[in-house]
Amino acid sequence: MNLPPATFPAALIPPRPRPLPGVLITPRLRLVPAAVSHADSVRTYLLENQNYLQPWEPLRHAAFFEPYAVAERLQGMAQRNITQDALHLLLFSQASDEVIGVCNFTNIVRGAFQACHLGYSIAERCQGQGLMREGLAAAIEHVFQNLKLHRIMANYRPENTRSAGLLSRLGFQREGEARSYLQINGAWCDHVLTALINPADR
């Protein structure tokens, strides 16, 4: 028996995301998709900021900083960028080829959810200059306009006042608090839950 091909109303077919971006440009930054070729710069960034970032990240053992481990993680990031399971971006200043920060849109879920989680960090010497806000604003615009996601979720420890202020300025709304949410620096920590909705979907 020959059956006619299935057809679906256009409203039920999600828009096809646009291809991976090249480089996102802001007045002071270049946001570059992660690649193995950045391994040396990323390793330098991690080592220089190890003590500064330690209170806010999972416990990092010595092997985490080894060249092979950094390259292996970047290879995975590049692959997830291609499959659009995540978007991993490295922040460079316009004036140099040094990595000064990272932002990651991970756990991308399609279907009825159309959402992801946001994580980020910036070099200690670059704090307080508005660079993270500038970079995230450009990255978020890309995620909403080109990846067509509906919701970006970002969570932070209650004592991390810098992240609280940054996310608030970007328009994230507090949605609650999760007890013992993530193991950070060897201890299970509570986190504030926030989210930003794609303005095109409001």
C-alpha atoms as a PDB file:
ATOM      1  CA  MET A   1       0.000   0.000   0.000  1.00  0.00           C
ATOM      2  CA  ASN A   2       1.358   3.381  -0.979  1.00  0.00           C
ATOM      3  CA  LEU A   3       0.659   6.031   1.623  1.00  0.00           C
ATOM      4  CA  PRO A   4       0.901   9.749   0.896  1.00  0.00           C
ATOM      5  CA  PRO A   5       3.845  11.519   2.525  1.00  0.00           C
ATOM      6  CA  ALA A   6       3.124  12.961   5.946  1.00  0.00           C
ATOM      7  CA  THR A   7       2.607  16.670   6.111  1.00  0.00           C
ATOM      8  CA  PHE A   8       2.731  18.922   9.143  1.00  0.00           C
ATOM      9  CA  PRO A   9       1.436  22.438   9.706  1.00  0.00           C
ATOM     10  CA  ALA A  10       4.233  24.978   9.362  1.00  0.00           C
ATOM     11  CA  ALA A  11       3.663  26.116  12.951  1.00  0.00           C
ATOM     12  CA  LEU A  12       4.731  22.668  14.237  1.00  0.00           C
ATOM     13  CA  ILE A  13       8.046  22.644  12.384  1.00  0.00           C
ATOM     14  CA  PRO A  14      10.779  24.448  14.374  1.00  0.00           C
ATOM     15  CA  PRO A  15      12.866  26.945  12.421  1.00  0.00           C
ATOM     16  CA  ARG A  16      16.153  25.550  11.145  1.00  0.00           C
ATOM     17  CA  PRO A  17      19.051  27.115  13.090  1.00  0.00           C
ATOM     18  CA  ARG A  18      21.570  29.063  11.088  1.00  0.00           C
ATOM     19  CA  PRO A  19      25.125  27.724  10.717  1.00  0.00           C
ATOM     20  CA  LEU A  20      27.824  28.178  13.320  1.00  0.00           C
ATOM     21  CA  PRO A  21      29.068  31.783  13.367  1.00  0.00           C
ATOM     22  CA  GLY A  22      32.546  32.759  12.346  1.00  0.00           C
ATOM     23  CA  VAL A  23      33.643  35.453  14.772  1.00  0.00           C
ATOM     24  CA  LEU A  24      31.313  37.732  16.720  1.00  0.00           C
ATOM     25  CA  ILE A  25      32.710  41.260  16.873  1.00  0.00           C
ATOM     26  CA  THR A  26      31.991  43.895  19.533  1.00  0.00           C
ATOM     27  CA  PRO A  27      33.675  47.282  20.022  1.00  0.00           C
ATOM     28  CA  ARG A  28      36.358  45.769  22.274  1.00  0.00           C
ATOM     29  CA  LEU A  29      36.145  42.006  21.792  1.00  0.00           C
ATOM     30  CA  ARG A  30      36.266  39.109  19.375  1.00  0.00           C
ATOM     31  CA  LEU A  31      34.201  36.061  20.329  1.00  0.00           C
ATOM     32  CA  VAL A  32      35.702  33.076  18.533  1.00  0.00           C
ATOM     33  CA  PRO A  33      34.289  29.514  18.392  1.00  0.00           C
ATOM     34  CA  ALA A  34      36.536  27.210  20.420  1.00  0.00           C
ATOM     35  CA  ALA A  35      39.037  25.114  18.440  1.00  0.00           C
ATOM     36  CA  VAL A  36      42.059  22.948  19.225  1.00  0.00           C
ATOM     37  CA  SER A  37      44.285  25.621  17.678  1.00  0.00           C
ATOM     38  CA  HIS A  38      43.533  27.790  20.729  1.00  0.00           C
ATOM     39  CA  ALA A  39      44.914  25.232  23.193  1.00  0.00           C
ATOM     40  CA  ASP A  40      48.014  27.193  24.228  1.00  0.00           C
ATOM     41  CA  SER A  41      46.082  30.425  24.787  1.00  0.00           C
ATOM     42  CA  VAL A  42      43.334  28.660  26.723  1.00  0.00           C
ATOM     43  CA  ARG A  43      45.847  26.831  28.917  1.00  0.00           C
ATOM     44  CA  THR A  44      47.605  30.119  29.702  1.00  0.00           C
ATOM     45  CA  TYR A  45      44.256  31.671  30.635  1.00  0.00           C
ATOM     46  CA  LEU A  46      43.387  28.771  32.934  1.00  0.00           C
ATOM     47  CA  LEU A  47      46.762  28.745  34.676  1.00  0.00           C
ATOM     48  CA  GLU A  48      46.944  32.512  35.152  1.00  0.00           C
ATOM     49  CA  ASN A  49      43.455  32.615  36.659  1.00  0.00           C
ATOM     50  CA  GLN A  50      43.468  29.303  38.508  1.00  0.00           C
ATOM     51  CA  ASN A  51      43.388  30.752  42.028  1.00  0.00           C
ATOM     52  CA  TYR A  52      40.956  33.503  41.077  1.00  0.00           C
ATOM     53  CA  LEU A  53      38.412  31.135  39.502  1.00  0.00           C
ATOM     54  CA  GLN A  54      38.819  28.285  41.985  1.00  0.00           C
ATOM     55  CA  PRO A  55      36.071  29.396  44.446  1.00  0.00           C
ATOM     56  CA  TRP A  56      33.468  29.427  41.651  1.00  0.00           C
ATOM     57  CA  GLU A  57      34.285  26.276  39.674  1.00  0.00           C
ATOM     58  CA  PRO A  58      34.434  22.504  40.217  1.00  0.00           C
ATOM     59  CA  LEU A  59      37.589  21.238  41.888  1.00  0.00           C
ATOM     60  CA  ARG A  60      40.379  21.130  39.299  1.00  0.00           C
ATOM     61  CA  HIS A  61      43.180  18.595  39.678  1.00  0.00           C
ATOM     62  CA  ALA A  62      46.610  19.034  38.089  1.00  0.00           C
ATOM     63  CA  ALA A  63      45.695  16.859  35.093  1.00  0.00           C
ATOM     64  CA  PHE A  64      42.975  19.349  34.121  1.00  0.00           C
ATOM     65  CA  PHE A  65      45.665  21.866  33.132  1.00  0.00           C
ATOM     66  CA  GLU A  66      47.896  19.485  31.163  1.00  0.00           C
ATOM     67  CA  PRO A  67      48.279  20.425  27.473  1.00  0.00           C
ATOM     68  CA  TYR A  68      46.746  17.159  26.229  1.00  0.00           C
ATOM     69  CA  ALA A  69      43.703  17.620  28.489  1.00  0.00           C
ATOM     70  CA  VAL A  70      43.107  21.203  27.349  1.00  0.00           C
ATOM     71  CA  ALA A  71      43.387  20.166  23.689  1.00  0.00           C
ATOM     72  CA  GLU A  72      41.051  17.213  24.236  1.00  0.00           C
ATOM     73  CA  ARG A  73      38.390  19.417  25.824  1.00  0.00           C
ATOM     74  CA  LEU A  74      38.667  21.955  23.018  1.00  0.00           C
ATOM     75  CA  GLN A  75      38.257  19.197  20.449  1.00  0.00           C
ATOM     76  CA  GLY A  76      35.035  18.175  22.163  1.00  0.00           C
ATOM     77  CA  MET A  77      33.860  21.778  22.274  1.00  0.00           C
ATOM     78  CA  ALA A  78      34.529  22.234  18.570  1.00  0.00           C
ATOM     79  CA  GLN A  79      32.548  19.090  17.779  1.00  0.00           C
ATOM     80  CA  ARG A  80      29.597  20.219  19.905  1.00  0.00           C
ATOM     81  CA  ASN A  81      29.700  23.591  18.141  1.00  0.00           C
ATOM     82  CA  ILE A  82      29.338  21.791  14.811  1.00  0.00           C
ATOM     83  CA  THR A  83      26.451  19.589  15.964  1.00  0.00           C
ATOM     84  CA  GLN A  84      24.864  22.555  17.777  1.00  0.00           C
ATOM     85  CA  ASP A  85      24.624  20.614  21.021  1.00  0.00           C
ATOM     86  CA  ALA A  86      26.413  23.615  22.552  1.00  0.00           C
ATOM     87  CA  LEU A  87      28.077  26.890  21.653  1.00  0.00           C
ATOM     88  CA  HIS A  88      31.546  27.374  23.147  1.00  0.00           C
ATOM     89  CA  LEU A  89      33.094  30.804  22.584  1.00  0.00           C
ATOM     90  CA  LEU A  90      36.477  32.241  23.553  1.00  0.00           C
ATOM     91  CA  LEU A  91      36.815  35.943  24.313  1.00  0.00           C
ATOM     92  CA  PHE A  92      39.783  37.820  22.860  1.00  0.00           C
ATOM     93  CA  SER A  93      40.441  41.524  23.202  1.00  0.00           C
ATOM     94  CA  GLN A  94      40.652  43.428  19.929  1.00  0.00           C
ATOM     95  CA  ALA A  95      44.193  44.418  20.852  1.00  0.00           C
ATOM     96  CA  SER A  96      45.759  40.965  21.356  1.00  0.00           C
ATOM     97  CA  ASP A  97      45.550  37.243  20.679  1.00  0.00           C
ATOM     98  CA  GLU A  98      45.273  36.352  24.371  1.00  0.00           C
ATOM     99  CA  VAL A  99      42.174  34.574  25.647  1.00  0.00           C
ATOM    100  CA  ILE A 100      40.659  36.806  28.335  1.00  0.00           C
ATOM    101  CA  GLY A 101      37.438  34.895  28.968  1.00  0.00           C
ATOM    102  CA  VAL A 102      35.049  32.173  27.913  1.00  0.00           C
ATOM    103  CA  CYS A 103      31.299  31.785  27.539  1.00  0.00           C
ATOM    104  CA  ASN A 104      29.504  28.505  27.009  1.00  0.00           C
ATOM    105  CA  PHE A 105      25.909  27.803  26.043  1.00  0.00           C
ATOM    106  CA  THR A 106      25.577  24.125  26.929  1.00  0.00           C
ATOM    107  CA  ASN A 107      22.957  21.397  27.312  1.00  0.00           C
ATOM    108  CA  ILE A 108      21.020  22.702  24.313  1.00  0.00           C
ATOM    109  CA  VAL A 109      17.632  20.998  24.211  1.00  0.00           C
ATOM    110  CA  ARG A 110      15.331  21.332  21.224  1.00  0.00           C
ATOM    111  CA  GLY A 111      11.768  20.082  20.830  1.00  0.00           C
ATOM    112  CA  ALA A 112       9.234  21.819  23.054  1.00  0.00           C
ATOM    113  CA  PHE A 113      11.943  23.214  25.382  1.00  0.00           C
ATOM    114  CA  GLN A 114      14.342  25.137  23.095  1.00  0.00           C
ATOM    115  CA  ALA A 115      16.681  26.090  25.943  1.00  0.00           C
ATOM    116  CA  CYS A 116      20.268  25.956  27.192  1.00  0.00           C
ATOM    117  CA  HIS A 117      22.479  26.761  30.173  1.00  0.00           C
ATOM    118  CA  LEU A 118      24.959  29.639  30.197  1.00  0.00           C
ATOM    119  CA  GLY A 119      28.354  29.581  31.899  1.00  0.00           C
ATOM    120  CA  TYR A 120      31.150  32.134  31.701  1.00  0.00           C
ATOM    121  CA  SER A 121      34.358  33.443  33.234  1.00  0.00           C
ATOM    122  CA  ILE A 122      36.747  36.308  32.625  1.00  0.00           C
ATOM    123  CA  ALA A 123      40.352  37.008  33.580  1.00  0.00           C
ATOM    124  CA  GLU A 124      40.870  38.652  36.950  1.00  0.00           C
ATOM    125  CA  ARG A 125      42.734  41.569  35.360  1.00  0.00           C
ATOM    126  CA  CYS A 126      39.735  42.271  33.099  1.00  0.00           C
ATOM    127  CA  GLN A 127      37.151  42.494  35.869  1.00  0.00           C
ATOM    128  CA  GLY A 128      35.143  45.665  36.344  1.00  0.00           C
ATOM    129  CA  GLN A 129      35.493  46.962  32.773  1.00  0.00           C
ATOM    130  CA  GLY A 130      32.159  45.801  31.361  1.00  0.00           C
ATOM    131  CA  LEU A 131      33.863  43.324  29.032  1.00  0.00           C
ATOM    132  CA  MET A 132      31.913  40.272  30.145  1.00  0.00           C
ATOM    133  CA  ARG A 133      28.638  42.116  29.725  1.00  0.00           C
ATOM    134  CA  GLU A 134      29.705  43.302  26.261  1.00  0.00           C
ATOM    135  CA  GLY A 135      30.672  39.808  25.167  1.00  0.00           C
ATOM    136  CA  LEU A 136      27.634  38.077  26.618  1.00  0.00           C
ATOM    137  CA  ALA A 137      25.253  40.599  25.068  1.00  0.00           C
ATOM    138  CA  ALA A 138      26.617  39.769  21.605  1.00  0.00           C
ATOM    139  CA  ALA A 139      26.607  36.023  22.247  1.00  0.00           C
ATOM    140  CA  ILE A 140      23.058  36.053  23.624  1.00  0.00           C
ATOM    141  CA  GLU A 141      21.845  38.008  20.603  1.00  0.00           C
ATOM    142  CA  HIS A 142      23.355  35.329  18.339  1.00  0.00           C
ATOM    143  CA  VAL A 143      21.812  32.486  20.347  1.00  0.00           C
ATOM    144  CA  PHE A 144      18.353  34.045  20.196  1.00  0.00           C
ATOM    145  CA  GLN A 145      18.425  35.302  16.615  1.00  0.00           C
ATOM    146  CA  ASN A 146      20.371  32.538  14.874  1.00  0.00           C
ATOM    147  CA  LEU A 147      20.117  29.421  17.041  1.00  0.00           C
ATOM    148  CA  LYS A 148      16.473  30.321  17.703  1.00  0.00           C
ATOM    149  CA  LEU A 149      16.515  29.240  21.341  1.00  0.00           C
ATOM    150  CA  HIS A 150      13.637  30.336  23.563  1.00  0.00           C
ATOM    151  CA  ARG A 151      15.259  30.320  27.013  1.00  0.00           C
ATOM    152  CA  ILE A 152      18.774  30.768  28.405  1.00  0.00           C
ATOM    153  CA  MET A 153      19.266  29.643  32.004  1.00  0.00           C
ATOM    154  CA  ALA A 154      22.119  30.902  34.189  1.00  0.00           C
ATOM    155  CA  ASN A 155      22.721  29.958  37.810  1.00  0.00           C
ATOM    156  CA  TYR A 156      25.065  31.460  40.403  1.00  0.00           C
ATOM    157  CA  ARG A 157      26.012  31.077  44.052  1.00  0.00           C
ATOM    158  CA  PRO A 158      24.198  33.578  46.310  1.00  0.00           C
ATOM    159  CA  GLU A 159      27.490  35.106  47.458  1.00  0.00           C
ATOM    160  CA  ASN A 160      28.646  35.751  43.879  1.00  0.00           C
ATOM    161  CA  THR A 161      27.472  39.345  43.737  1.00  0.00           C
ATOM    162  CA  ARG A 162      29.345  40.064  40.506  1.00  0.00           C
ATOM    163  CA  SER A 163      27.425  37.394  38.618  1.00  0.00           C
ATOM    164  CA  ALA A 164      24.171  38.509  40.224  1.00  0.00           C
ATOM    165  CA  GLY A 165      24.698  42.067  39.009  1.00  0.00           C
ATOM    166  CA  LEU A 166      25.891  41.019  35.556  1.00  0.00           C
ATOM    167  CA  LEU A 167      22.933  38.753  34.889  1.00  0.00           C
ATOM    168  CA  SER A 168      20.491  41.352  36.175  1.00  0.00           C
ATOM    169  CA  ARG A 169      21.923  43.973  33.827  1.00  0.00           C
ATOM    170  CA  LEU A 170      21.553  41.535  30.930  1.00  0.00           C
ATOM    171  CA  GLY A 171      17.872  41.085  31.747  1.00  0.00           C
ATOM    172  CA  PHE A 172      17.919  37.684  33.473  1.00  0.00           C
ATOM    173  CA  GLN A 173      15.066  37.168  35.937  1.00  0.00           C
ATOM    174  CA  ARG A 174      15.397  35.258  39.199  1.00  0.00           C
ATOM    175  CA  GLU A 175      13.230  32.133  39.171  1.00  0.00           C
ATOM    176  CA  GLY A 176      14.159  30.464  42.441  1.00  0.00           C
ATOM    177  CA  GLU A 177      16.938  28.808  44.414  1.00  0.00           C
ATOM    178  CA  ALA A 178      18.218  25.236  44.291  1.00  0.00           C
ATOM    179  CA  ARG A 179      19.731  23.702  47.414  1.00  0.00           C
ATOM    180  CA  SER A 180      22.972  21.733  47.127  1.00  0.00           C
ATOM    181  CA  TYR A 181      22.822  22.257  43.364  1.00  0.00           C
ATOM    182  CA  LEU A 182      26.417  21.915  42.133  1.00  0.00           C
ATOM    183  CA  GLN A 183      29.665  20.655  43.616  1.00  0.00           C
ATOM    184  CA  ILE A 184      31.905  23.724  43.539  1.00  0.00           C
ATOM    185  CA  ASN A 185      35.503  23.658  44.770  1.00  0.00           C
ATOM    186  CA  GLY A 186      34.820  20.356  46.510  1.00  0.00           C
ATOM    187  CA  ALA A 187      31.576  21.311  48.295  1.00  0.00           C
ATOM    188  CA  TRP A 188      27.899  21.095  47.364  1.00  0.00           C
ATOM    189  CA  CYS A 189      26.589  24.644  47.019  1.00  0.00           C
ATOM    190  CA  ASP A 190      23.208  26.330  46.768  1.00  0.00           C
ATOM    191  CA  HIS A 191      22.556  28.306  43.581  1.00  0.00           C
ATOM    192  CA  VAL A 192      20.192  31.061  42.511  1.00  0.00           C
ATOM    193  CA  LEU A 193      18.327  30.115  39.318  1.00  0.00           C
ATOM    194  CA  THR A 194      17.740  32.754  36.643  1.00  0.00           C
ATOM    195  CA  ALA A 195      16.567  32.769  33.042  1.00  0.00           C
ATOM    196  CA  LEU A 196      16.283  35.058  30.043  1.00  0.00           C
ATOM    197  CA  ILE A 197      13.493  34.596  27.496  1.00  0.00           C
ATOM    198  CA  ASN A 198      13.950  35.338  23.805  1.00  0.00           C
ATOM    199  CA  PRO A 199      12.205  38.701  23.300  1.00  0.00           C
ATOM    200  CA  ALA A 200      10.874  37.467  19.954  1.00  0.00           C
ATOM    201  CA  ASP A 201       8.821  34.849  21.833  1.00  0.00           C
ATOM    202  CA  ARG A 202       7.214  37.138  24.397  1.00  0.00           C
END
